[in-house]
Protein backbone atom coordinates (compact mmCIF):
# COMPACT_ATOMS: atom_id res chain seq x y z
CA MET A 1 0.93 -0.33 -11.89
CA GLU A 2 -2.09 -1.55 -10.71
CA PRO A 3 -2.59 -1.09 -7.02
CA GLY A 4 -5.89 -1.75 -6.37
CA SER A 5 -9.79 -1.51 -7.29
CA THR A 6 -10.36 0.23 -10.22
CA ALA A 7 -13.13 1.88 -8.61
CA SER A 8 -13.13 5.58 -7.65
CA ARG A 9 -14.69 5.16 -4.37
CA LEU A 10 -14.08 2.45 -1.73
CA THR A 11 -17.09 0.51 -0.14
CA PRO A 12 -16.68 0.08 3.25
CA ARG A 13 -15.61 -3.48 3.24
CA GLN A 14 -12.60 -2.62 0.60
CA ARG A 15 -11.76 0.25 2.76
CA ARG A 16 -11.62 -2.12 5.71
CA ALA A 17 -9.48 -4.77 3.36
CA VAL A 18 -6.68 -1.96 2.93
CA GLY A 19 -5.91 -3.45 6.58
CA LEU A 20 -2.13 -4.32 6.90
CA ILE A 21 -0.51 -7.81 6.37
CA ALA A 22 3.07 -6.44 7.71
CA PHE A 23 6.28 -8.77 8.63
CA SER A 24 7.77 -7.29 11.55
CA LEU A 25 11.07 -6.53 10.00
CA LEU A 26 9.76 -3.01 11.19
CA ALA A 27 12.35 -3.75 14.14
CA ILE A 28 15.30 -2.44 12.27
CA VAL A 29 13.46 1.30 11.76
CA VAL A 30 14.03 3.70 14.01
CA ALA A 31 12.50 4.09 17.40
CA SER A 32 10.97 7.13 16.58
CA LEU A 33 8.94 5.88 14.03
CA ALA A 34 6.91 3.16 16.27
CA TYR A 35 3.78 4.93 15.87
CA LEU A 36 4.06 4.48 11.94
CA ALA A 37 2.39 0.59 12.70
CA PRO A 38 -1.42 1.49 13.50
CA ALA A 39 -2.57 -1.54 11.74
CA LEU A 40 -1.87 -5.06 12.21
CA HIS A 41 1.35 -5.73 14.24
CA LEU A 42 3.39 -8.88 13.63
CA SER A 43 5.37 -10.83 15.71
CA GLY A 44 8.29 -12.00 13.58
CA THR A 45 10.04 -14.40 15.37
CA ALA A 46 11.02 -17.49 14.12
CA GLY A 47 -14.17 -26.94 17.06
CA PRO A 48 -16.05 -27.02 19.54
CA ASN A 49 -18.96 -24.05 20.38
CA ASN A 50 -18.39 -20.95 22.69
CA THR A 51 -20.31 -18.53 24.28
CA SER A 52 -19.68 -14.85 24.66
CA ALA A 53 -19.50 -12.75 28.01
CA LYS A 54 -20.19 -9.19 28.25
CA LEU A 55 -17.10 -7.07 29.38
CA GLY A 56 -16.92 -6.90 33.33
CA ALA A 57 -18.51 -10.03 33.56
CA THR A 58 -16.79 -12.06 36.48
CA ALA A 59 -13.49 -13.39 34.36
CA GLN A 60 -12.43 -17.44 34.32
CA SER A 61 -9.16 -18.69 33.32
CA PRO A 62 -8.79 -18.44 29.74
CA PRO A 63 -9.18 -21.76 27.68
CA TRP A 64 -6.67 -20.49 25.23
CA THR A 65 -2.65 -20.04 25.54
CA PHE A 66 -1.53 -18.71 22.23
CA GLN A 67 -1.90 -15.53 20.52
CA THR A 68 -5.73 -15.34 18.42
CA MET A 69 -5.47 -13.27 15.03
CA TYR A 70 -9.15 -12.24 14.21
CA ASP A 71 -11.02 -10.67 11.45
CA PHE A 72 -14.50 -9.85 10.51
CA ALA A 73 -15.69 -9.83 6.86
CA THR A 74 -19.47 -8.10 8.03
CA PRO A 75 -20.85 -8.18 11.68
CA SER A 76 -21.62 -11.94 11.35
CA VAL A 77 -18.86 -13.61 9.47
CA GLY A 78 -15.58 -13.69 10.89
CA TRP A 79 -12.10 -15.98 11.34
CA ALA A 80 -10.25 -17.07 14.31
CA ALA A 81 -6.72 -18.20 13.65
CA ILE A 82 -4.36 -19.75 16.52
CA ALA A 83 -0.86 -21.54 16.04
CA VAL A 84 -0.19 -24.38 18.19
CA ALA A 85 2.92 -26.90 17.83
CA GLY A 86 4.04 -25.84 14.12
CA GLU A 87 0.41 -25.74 12.81
CA THR A 88 -2.09 -22.83 12.38
CA THR A 89 -6.03 -23.75 12.79
CA VAL A 90 -8.43 -21.59 11.57
CA PHE A 91 -11.76 -21.20 12.74
CA LYS A 92 -14.92 -19.36 11.67
CA THR A 93 -18.38 -18.00 12.69
CA ALA A 94 -20.94 -17.22 11.52
CA ASP A 95 -22.85 -15.32 14.33
CA GLY A 96 -20.49 -12.87 15.28
CA GLY A 97 -18.32 -14.93 17.32
CA GLN A 98 -20.72 -16.87 19.81
CA HIS A 99 -19.85 -19.94 18.13
CA TRP A 100 -17.09 -21.12 15.91
CA ARG A 101 -16.33 -24.54 13.52
CA GLN A 102 -12.79 -25.59 12.34
CA ALA A 103 -12.36 -24.64 9.34
CA SER A 104 -9.04 -25.68 8.07
CA ARG A 105 -5.12 -26.03 9.17
CA VAL A 106 -1.96 -24.83 7.31
CA LEU A 107 1.65 -24.63 8.63
CA GLY A 108 2.84 -21.97 10.98
CA ASN A 109 4.44 -21.57 14.61
CA VAL A 110 2.85 -18.03 14.81
CA VAL A 111 0.10 -16.51 13.35
CA GLU A 112 1.28 -13.15 11.59
CA SER A 113 -1.82 -11.88 10.36
CA ILE A 114 -4.99 -12.49 8.76
CA GLN A 115 -7.08 -10.40 6.22
CA PHE A 116 -10.46 -11.21 4.40
CA VAL A 117 -11.60 -8.61 1.64
CA ASP A 118 -14.87 -10.30 1.52
CA THR A 119 -16.58 -13.52 2.95
CA THR A 120 -14.66 -15.60 0.89
CA HIS A 121 -11.42 -14.38 -0.56
CA GLY A 122 -8.79 -13.72 2.47
CA PHE A 123 -5.25 -13.79 2.84
CA MET A 124 -2.92 -15.14 5.87
CA VAL A 125 0.64 -14.82 6.82
CA THR A 126 2.40 -17.07 8.95
CA ASN A 127 6.12 -17.30 10.34
CA VAL A 128 7.33 -20.46 8.64
CA ARG A 129 9.55 -18.65 6.35
CA HIS A 130 6.70 -16.16 6.03
CA ARG A 131 4.35 -18.13 4.13
CA LEU A 132 1.89 -16.00 2.17
CA TYR A 133 -1.68 -18.15 2.24
CA ARG A 134 -4.86 -17.40 0.32
CA THR A 135 -8.48 -18.69 0.02
CA SER A 136 -10.95 -18.21 -2.15
CA ASP A 137 -13.79 -20.35 -0.13
CA GLY A 138 -13.85 -18.40 2.96
CA GLY A 139 -11.17 -20.20 4.34
CA ALA A 140 -11.53 -24.30 4.08
CA HIS A 141 -8.74 -24.06 2.08
CA TRP A 142 -5.38 -22.50 1.62
CA ALA A 143 -2.89 -22.32 -1.36
CA GLU A 144 0.27 -20.75 -0.73
CA ALA A 145 1.36 -17.32 -2.83
CA VAL A 146 4.66 -15.79 -3.17
CA ILE A 147 6.24 -13.16 -1.43
CA PRO A 148 8.03 -11.07 -3.44
CA ASP A 149 11.47 -10.23 -1.65
CA ASP A 150 12.71 -11.23 1.56
CA ARG A 151 12.84 -7.96 2.71
CA THR A 152 9.29 -7.28 2.77
CA TYR A 153 7.60 -5.83 5.57
CA ARG A 154 4.12 -4.84 4.63
CA ILE A 155 1.39 -6.51 2.15
CA THR A 156 -1.91 -4.79 1.26
CA PHE A 157 -4.85 -6.10 -0.47
CA THR A 158 -7.48 -3.76 -2.04
CA ASP A 159 -9.48 -6.59 -3.04
CA ALA A 160 -9.47 -10.33 -4.27
CA ARG A 161 -6.60 -10.28 -6.61
CA HIS A 162 -5.13 -6.34 -6.28
CA GLY A 163 -2.67 -6.08 -3.91
CA SER A 164 1.03 -4.05 -3.14
CA ALA A 165 3.93 -5.80 -1.32
CA PHE A 166 6.32 -3.17 0.52
CA VAL A 167 10.11 -3.99 0.80
CA LEU A 168 12.44 -1.99 3.41
CA PRO A 169 15.54 -0.29 1.98
CA SER A 170 18.82 -1.83 2.08
CA VAL A 171 20.36 1.56 2.92
CA ARG A 172 18.64 2.96 5.74
CA TYR A 173 16.46 6.22 4.79
CA THR A 174 16.61 5.42 1.23
CA ALA A 175 13.44 4.80 -1.14
CA GLN A 176 11.50 1.56 -0.76
CA THR A 177 10.59 -0.97 -3.54
CA VAL A 178 7.37 -1.48 -4.03
CA TYR A 179 5.58 -4.77 -6.02
CA THR A 180 1.83 -4.87 -6.96
CA THR A 181 0.02 -8.41 -8.18
CA ALA A 182 -3.04 -8.76 -10.20
CA ASP A 183 -3.38 -12.27 -9.68
CA SER A 184 -3.68 -12.51 -5.52
CA GLY A 185 -0.10 -12.88 -4.85
CA ALA A 186 1.04 -15.38 -7.39
CA THR A 187 3.00 -13.14 -9.05
CA TRP A 188 4.52 -9.79 -8.41
CA SER A 189 5.80 -6.70 -10.68
CA ARG A 190 7.97 -4.09 -9.47
CA SER A 191 6.94 -0.62 -9.49
CA PRO A 192 8.57 2.76 -9.95
CA ASN A 193 10.01 3.40 -6.51
CA LEU A 194 8.74 6.20 -4.34
CA PRO A 195 10.06 9.52 -3.78
CA LEU A 196 13.36 9.07 -1.96
CA ASP A 197 12.27 10.23 1.14
CA GLY A 198 8.49 8.52 0.91
CA TYR A 199 8.25 6.12 3.46
CA GLY A 200 5.20 3.82 5.46
CA PRO A 201 2.95 2.40 3.67
CA MET A 202 1.29 3.67 0.33
CA VAL A 203 -2.74 4.03 0.56
CA VAL A 204 -4.72 3.59 -3.08
CA ARG A 205 -8.05 4.11 -4.41
CA GLY A 206 -8.01 3.11 -7.96
CA ALA A 207 -5.37 5.08 -9.70
CA GLU A 208 -4.99 7.55 -6.53
CA ALA A 209 -1.88 6.86 -4.12
CA TRP A 210 -0.59 8.95 -1.41
CA VAL A 211 2.30 8.07 0.94
CA GLY A 212 4.16 9.69 3.75
CA VAL A 213 7.68 10.30 4.39
CA TYR A 214 10.49 10.14 6.77
CA GLU A 215 13.32 12.56 6.92
CA THR A 216 16.44 13.84 8.61
CA PRO A 217 16.55 16.45 9.43
CA ALA A 218 13.47 17.93 9.68
CA SER A 219 11.87 20.19 6.91
CA ARG A 220 8.63 21.41 6.09
CA PRO A 221 5.97 18.47 6.55
CA HIS A 222 4.85 17.21 3.51
CA VAL A 223 3.10 13.99 1.68
CA TYR A 224 3.18 12.73 -1.83
CA THR A 225 0.16 12.04 -4.20
CA SER A 226 0.08 10.18 -7.33
CA MET A 227 -2.99 9.55 -10.26
CA ASP A 228 -1.59 7.47 -11.79
CA GLY A 229 -1.28 4.49 -9.61
CA GLY A 230 2.43 5.57 -8.34
CA VAL A 231 4.46 5.76 -12.05
CA SER A 232 4.77 9.74 -10.79
CA TRP A 233 4.22 11.43 -7.78
CA SER A 234 3.76 15.36 -6.58
CA ARG A 235 4.38 16.64 -3.44
CA VAL A 236 1.68 18.10 -1.21
CA GLU A 237 2.64 20.67 1.40
CA VAL A 238 1.15 19.80 5.37
CA PRO A 239 0.55 22.19 7.95
CA ARG A 240 3.37 22.05 10.61
CA PRO A 241 2.72 20.29 14.07
CA ARG A 242 1.78 22.82 16.56
CA ALA A 243 4.31 22.86 19.09
CA SER A 244 5.93 24.03 21.91
CA TYR A 245 9.59 22.80 21.48
CA PRO A 246 11.85 22.35 24.38
CA VAL A 247 15.33 23.23 24.66
CA TYR A 248 17.30 20.37 22.45
CA ASN A 249 20.01 21.27 20.34
CA GLY A 250 20.23 18.11 18.40
CA THR A 251 18.78 17.04 14.90
CA PHE A 252 14.93 16.81 14.26
CA TYR A 253 13.22 14.10 12.29
CA LEU A 254 10.11 14.81 10.29
CA ALA A 255 7.32 11.96 9.70
CA THR A 256 3.93 11.85 7.84
CA GLN A 257 1.77 9.26 7.45
CA VAL A 258 -1.26 9.07 5.52
CA ASN A 259 -5.04 7.50 5.66
CA LEU A 260 -7.38 7.32 3.07
CA LEU A 261 -11.18 8.03 4.09
CA PRO A 262 -13.71 5.50 2.94
CA GLY A 263 -15.41 7.34 0.05
CA SER A 264 -13.31 10.94 -0.33
CA GLY A 265 -10.77 12.53 1.95
CA VAL A 266 -7.39 12.02 3.36
CA THR A 267 -5.93 12.65 6.87
CA VAL A 268 -2.45 13.15 7.41
CA LEU A 269 -0.57 12.56 10.99
CA ALA A 270 2.66 14.96 10.94
CA SER A 271 5.29 14.61 13.65
CA VAL A 272 8.40 16.34 14.25
CA GLY A 273 10.57 14.69 17.03
CA PRO A 274 14.13 14.88 18.22
CA VAL A 275 16.86 11.54 16.54
CA CYS A 276 17.82 10.05 20.08
CA GLU A 277 20.87 9.00 18.64
CA ASN A 278 23.18 8.86 21.60
CA LEU A 279 19.77 8.55 24.19
CA SER A 280 20.26 11.36 26.29
CA ALA A 281 17.99 12.39 28.93
CA LEU A 282 16.86 15.07 27.11
CA CYS A 283 16.31 13.87 23.96
CA SER A 284 14.33 10.91 25.54
CA ARG A 285 12.26 13.34 27.67
CA THR A 286 11.35 15.08 24.35
CA PRO A 287 8.17 13.17 22.79
CA PRO A 288 7.34 14.33 19.18
CA ASP A 289 4.85 16.78 18.15
CA GLN A 290 2.31 15.34 16.71
CA THR A 291 -0.90 17.04 14.86
CA PRO A 292 -3.28 14.89 12.70
CA PHE A 293 -5.12 17.13 9.61
CA VAL A 294 -7.68 16.45 7.40
CA SER A 295 -8.45 17.34 3.58
CA PHE A 296 -11.20 16.83 1.09
CA ASP A 297 -9.82 18.44 -1.83
CA GLY A 298 -6.68 16.36 -2.41
CA GLY A 299 -4.32 18.49 -0.22
CA LEU A 300 -4.94 22.04 -1.30
CA THR A 301 -6.49 23.19 2.31
CA TRP A 302 -6.26 21.29 5.51
CA THR A 303 -7.97 21.13 8.42
CA GLU A 304 -6.66 20.06 11.80
CA VAL A 305 -8.35 17.35 13.62
CA LEU A 306 -9.16 17.92 17.22
CA LEU A 307 -8.84 14.72 19.12
CA PRO A 308 -11.56 13.44 22.12
CA PRO A 309 -11.32 15.12 25.48
CA GLY A 310 -8.83 12.84 27.50
CA ALA A 311 -6.07 10.74 26.69
CA PHE A 312 -6.67 9.87 22.96
CA PHE A 313 -4.37 9.46 20.02
CA TYR A 314 -4.82 10.04 16.23
CA PHE A 315 -4.54 5.90 16.09
CA ASP A 316 -7.44 5.50 18.33
CA ILE A 317 -9.55 6.67 15.41
CA ALA A 318 -11.93 4.49 13.47
CA TYR A 319 -13.60 5.51 10.13
CA GLN A 320 -17.13 4.69 10.00
CA ASP A 321 -17.19 6.79 6.76
CA ALA A 322 -15.99 10.02 5.46
CA VAL A 323 -17.21 12.17 8.41
CA HIS A 324 -18.86 9.73 11.17
CA TRP A 325 -15.41 8.78 13.39
CA TRP A 326 -15.49 6.78 16.29
CA ALA A 327 -12.80 6.33 18.90
CA ILE A 328 -12.29 4.44 21.86
CA GLY A 329 -9.66 5.67 24.71
CA LYS A 330 -9.90 4.13 28.10
CA GLY A 331 -12.74 2.96 29.45
CA SER A 332 -14.85 5.72 26.99
CA LEU A 333 -16.68 5.80 23.71
CA TRP A 334 -16.77 9.06 21.65
CA LYS A 335 -18.17 10.00 18.04
CA SER A 336 -17.96 13.04 15.52
CA SER A 337 -20.00 13.43 12.57
CA ASP A 338 -17.67 16.04 11.30
CA ALA A 339 -14.56 14.86 10.23
CA GLY A 340 -13.16 15.45 13.93
CA GLN A 341 -13.94 19.05 14.58
CA THR A 342 -16.18 17.83 17.09
CA TRP A 343 -16.91 15.06 19.76
CA GLN A 344 -19.80 13.79 21.81
CA GLU A 345 -19.16 10.90 24.13
CA THR A 346 -21.36 7.29 24.01
CA MET A 347 -21.33 5.69 27.72
CA PRO A 348 -21.06 1.82 27.44
CA ASP A 349 -22.58 -0.20 29.66
CA VAL A 350 -19.32 -1.63 30.87
CA PRO A 351 -15.65 0.56 30.71
CA LEU A 352 -13.78 -0.67 27.44
CA PRO A 353 -10.32 -1.76 27.50
CA ALA A 354 -8.23 0.21 25.13
CA PRO A 355 -8.62 -1.95 22.07
CA TYR A 356 -5.47 -2.67 19.82
CA GLN A 357 -7.63 -2.03 16.65
CA LEU A 358 -11.00 -0.65 16.23
CA HIS A 359 -13.23 -1.76 12.88
CA VAL A 360 -16.51 0.03 12.30
CA PHE A 361 -18.79 -1.57 9.76
CA ASP A 362 -21.70 1.24 10.09
CA SER A 363 -23.54 3.08 12.48
CA LYS A 364 -24.47 -0.09 14.93
CA HIS A 365 -21.78 -2.56 14.41
CA ALA A 366 -17.77 -2.38 15.10
CA TRP A 367 -15.82 -5.03 16.27
CA ALA A 368 -12.11 -4.51 18.24
CA ARG A 369 -9.20 -6.93 18.75
CA VAL A 370 -7.68 -6.36 22.54
CA TYR A 371 -4.11 -7.12 22.80
CA PRO A 372 -3.36 -10.21 22.68
CA SER A 373 -5.98 -12.72 22.42
CA LEU A 374 -9.29 -10.79 22.70
CA ALA A 375 -12.06 -9.52 20.77
CA MET A 376 -15.02 -7.30 21.30
CA VAL A 377 -18.18 -6.42 19.60
CA THR A 378 -21.14 -4.40 19.30
CA ASN A 379 -24.08 -4.30 17.60
CA ASP A 380 -25.78 -1.24 19.04
CA GLY A 381 -23.20 1.71 18.61
CA GLY A 382 -21.05 0.55 20.92
CA LEU A 383 -24.04 1.37 23.88
CA SER A 384 -23.21 -2.36 24.94
CA TRP A 385 -19.95 -4.48 23.94
CA THR A 386 -19.52 -8.02 24.17
CA ARG A 387 -16.58 -10.27 24.66
CA VAL A 388 -15.72 -12.94 21.90
CA ILE A 389 -14.08 -15.86 23.61
CA PRO A 390 -11.73 -17.77 21.05
CA PRO A 391 -12.14 -21.39 20.47
CA LYS A 392 -10.10 -23.81 21.65
CA VAL A 393 -7.89 -25.60 19.75
CA SER A 394 -8.28 -29.61 19.38
């Protein structure tokens, strides 16, 4: 199996490209796994120039009605995809979203995701029978690619040619099936199955691969790693989340999710929580105990990640590099230069809404998608943010 680029270190662009194109068949997963989808959430149900406005400026009636999906390959080059009346229109910007021009159109009632791995190669999923499209000219033209299985729920591309597709198991809590492609999704090959309790997205860096787990009843937290592209797997123990478990005599689940840091290092979110099969009041009031950890030695040792003060969560963190991290909460931006051990607050010029997903290019440039149809960009390290108004579909 060849899950990704053969380079031993991911560039920031490649790391961002492991953004996730996921089908919303995740609805059948238990509610306790809702946190396992930090990246692009998908719906799964059946131009003119524009200026940008500073956040907090007087709001006017938005010129759009339909959800807009974004992706940026660089701080200046990006795309917006809008589906109206069974047709998806793709727009492109070369100035960070201040002006847009229509690039192309494809079939699709809803844009489920759009992902560019560089300024010319991209992938898009629409909900017309879950079509997967690919482009090699910056979005001017799209060709339909292949989805390997009707139960595919997540597709990840690490470069213009190599990707992985993850298929939900037909039996609950059994190993999922993984397919890989080396020709941009034209053909797929089935890979050896993940470990029986392996679950969630498999993350790859060259021949190195990691996957989290879901199991019930809960045992000791662990993940799996492979150094041969997923042919063989080794179990890696993870510390147990800090917990003050309430009085609950039911069954608990264990879940771990893995994220590869740019260059080197890995983070794991370990969670233990009650399985609320009968939705009892006590169970529903018992949130999972979740603790993030980071390792820079392949999982031999782990250090607990400390979140910024206030109402922050693990998935609020975005990674500039292995040790420089950003986190946006309700109205505030925090940064860490030591892999989450300490944080310093950056005061933006206006309160920031909680972003749906934050992407960091470098110390000065980042963008965030804000649900449902907004995007924000910063060019000064987060001191000021500009709201991008999406283009109109003519």
